[in-house]
Protein backbone atom coordinates (compact mmCIF):
# COMPACT_ATOMS: atom_id res chain seq x y z
CA VAL A 1 35.33 -9.96 2.47
CA LEU A 2 31.74 -11.14 3.17
CA LEU A 3 29.07 -11.00 0.67
CA ALA A 4 26.14 -10.82 3.04
CA LEU A 5 22.47 -12.08 2.21
CA ALA A 6 20.77 -8.90 3.73
CA GLY A 7 17.15 -9.42 2.71
CA ALA A 8 16.01 -11.58 5.68
CA HIS A 9 12.95 -13.55 5.04
CA ALA A 10 13.99 -15.51 1.94
CA THR A 11 17.67 -15.63 2.98
CA ILE A 12 18.94 -15.46 6.65
CA ALA A 13 17.36 -13.74 9.48
CA LEU A 14 19.30 -10.48 10.32
CA ASP A 15 20.00 -11.66 13.90
CA GLU A 16 21.56 -14.66 12.51
CA LEU A 17 23.34 -12.65 10.09
CA ASP A 18 24.75 -10.46 12.92
CA LYS A 19 26.02 -13.84 14.61
CA VAL A 20 27.66 -15.08 11.28
CA ILE A 21 29.50 -11.59 10.96
CA ALA A 22 30.68 -11.63 14.48
CA ARG A 23 32.00 -15.18 14.15
CA LEU A 24 33.65 -14.76 10.73
CA LYS A 25 35.02 -11.24 11.69
CA PRO A 26 35.42 -10.00 8.02
CA LYS A 27 37.04 -6.79 7.42
CA ALA A 28 34.30 -5.70 4.90
CA VAL A 29 30.92 -6.78 4.23
CA ILE A 30 28.93 -6.15 1.09
CA PRO A 31 25.19 -6.69 1.38
CA MET A 32 23.36 -8.30 -1.38
CA HIS A 33 19.97 -10.07 -2.06
CA TYR A 34 17.89 -7.12 -0.52
CA TYR A 35 14.67 -5.60 -1.56
CA SER A 36 14.61 -3.62 -4.91
CA ALA A 37 11.79 -2.08 -6.65
CA LYS A 38 13.07 -3.99 -9.75
CA GLY A 39 12.85 -7.26 -8.01
CA VAL A 40 10.14 -9.69 -7.41
CA LEU A 41 10.80 -11.02 -3.97
CA LYS A 42 9.26 -9.68 -0.77
CA ILE A 43 12.33 -9.25 1.16
CA GLU A 44 13.68 -6.25 3.41
CA PRO A 45 15.44 -3.25 1.91
CA VAL A 46 19.12 -2.86 2.76
CA GLU A 47 18.32 -0.08 5.21
CA THR A 48 16.89 -2.82 7.56
CA PHE A 49 20.31 -4.44 7.58
CA LEU A 50 22.13 -1.05 8.03
CA GLY A 51 19.89 -0.62 11.15
CA HIS A 52 22.31 -3.09 12.87
CA CYS A 53 25.36 -1.11 11.77
CA LYS A 54 26.87 2.06 12.95
CA PRO A 55 26.60 4.68 10.50
CA GLU A 56 30.25 5.54 10.60
CA ASN A 57 31.03 2.00 9.30
CA VAL A 58 28.90 2.24 6.29
CA THR A 59 30.13 3.56 2.79
CA ARG A 60 27.46 3.90 0.01
CA VAL A 61 29.39 3.16 -3.38
CA LYS A 62 28.42 5.29 -6.39
CA GLY A 63 28.11 2.39 -8.65
CA SER A 64 27.87 -1.33 -8.93
CA ILE A 65 31.64 -1.96 -8.89
CA LEU A 66 34.08 -1.71 -5.85
CA GLU A 67 37.78 -2.45 -5.98
CA LEU A 68 39.07 -2.90 -2.52
CA THR A 69 42.64 -2.79 -1.50
CA ALA A 70 44.29 -4.11 1.63
CA ALA A 71 44.92 -0.58 2.63
CA MET A 72 41.36 0.34 2.46
CA LEU A 73 40.28 -2.43 4.91
CA PRO A 74 39.72 -1.42 8.58
CA LYS A 75 42.44 -2.14 11.20
CA THR A 76 39.86 -2.92 13.88
CA ASN A 77 37.59 -5.99 14.27
CA THR A 78 34.55 -4.13 13.25
CA PRO A 79 33.85 -4.72 9.71
CA HIS A 80 33.18 -1.77 7.14
CA ILE A 81 30.03 -2.05 5.16
CA TYR A 82 30.27 -1.14 1.43
CA VAL A 83 26.68 -0.83 -0.14
CA LEU A 84 26.73 -0.87 -3.89
CA GLU A 85 24.21 0.59 -6.29
CA GLN A 86 22.04 -2.26 -7.75
CA SER A 87 23.01 -2.79 -11.37
CA LYS A 88 19.52 -4.13 -12.43
């Protein structure tokens, strides 16, 4: 599982993040540190990161907690993206 800094500007460029994901080959990616109306940083919204992903590989979790089991992880080399609701 990779917790990915998905806000670009203040973190890692999304093209570089794509390379990191390809190299690490995580089974699941949870984007974090992206724009929120509640935040103060001028960074990208999660949708910018999701633009690099196939929609069928994205699950929006209803809540800020996710419990993953081995059975939930994809069998392919393409990671599944879990977008949690921001808690603050």
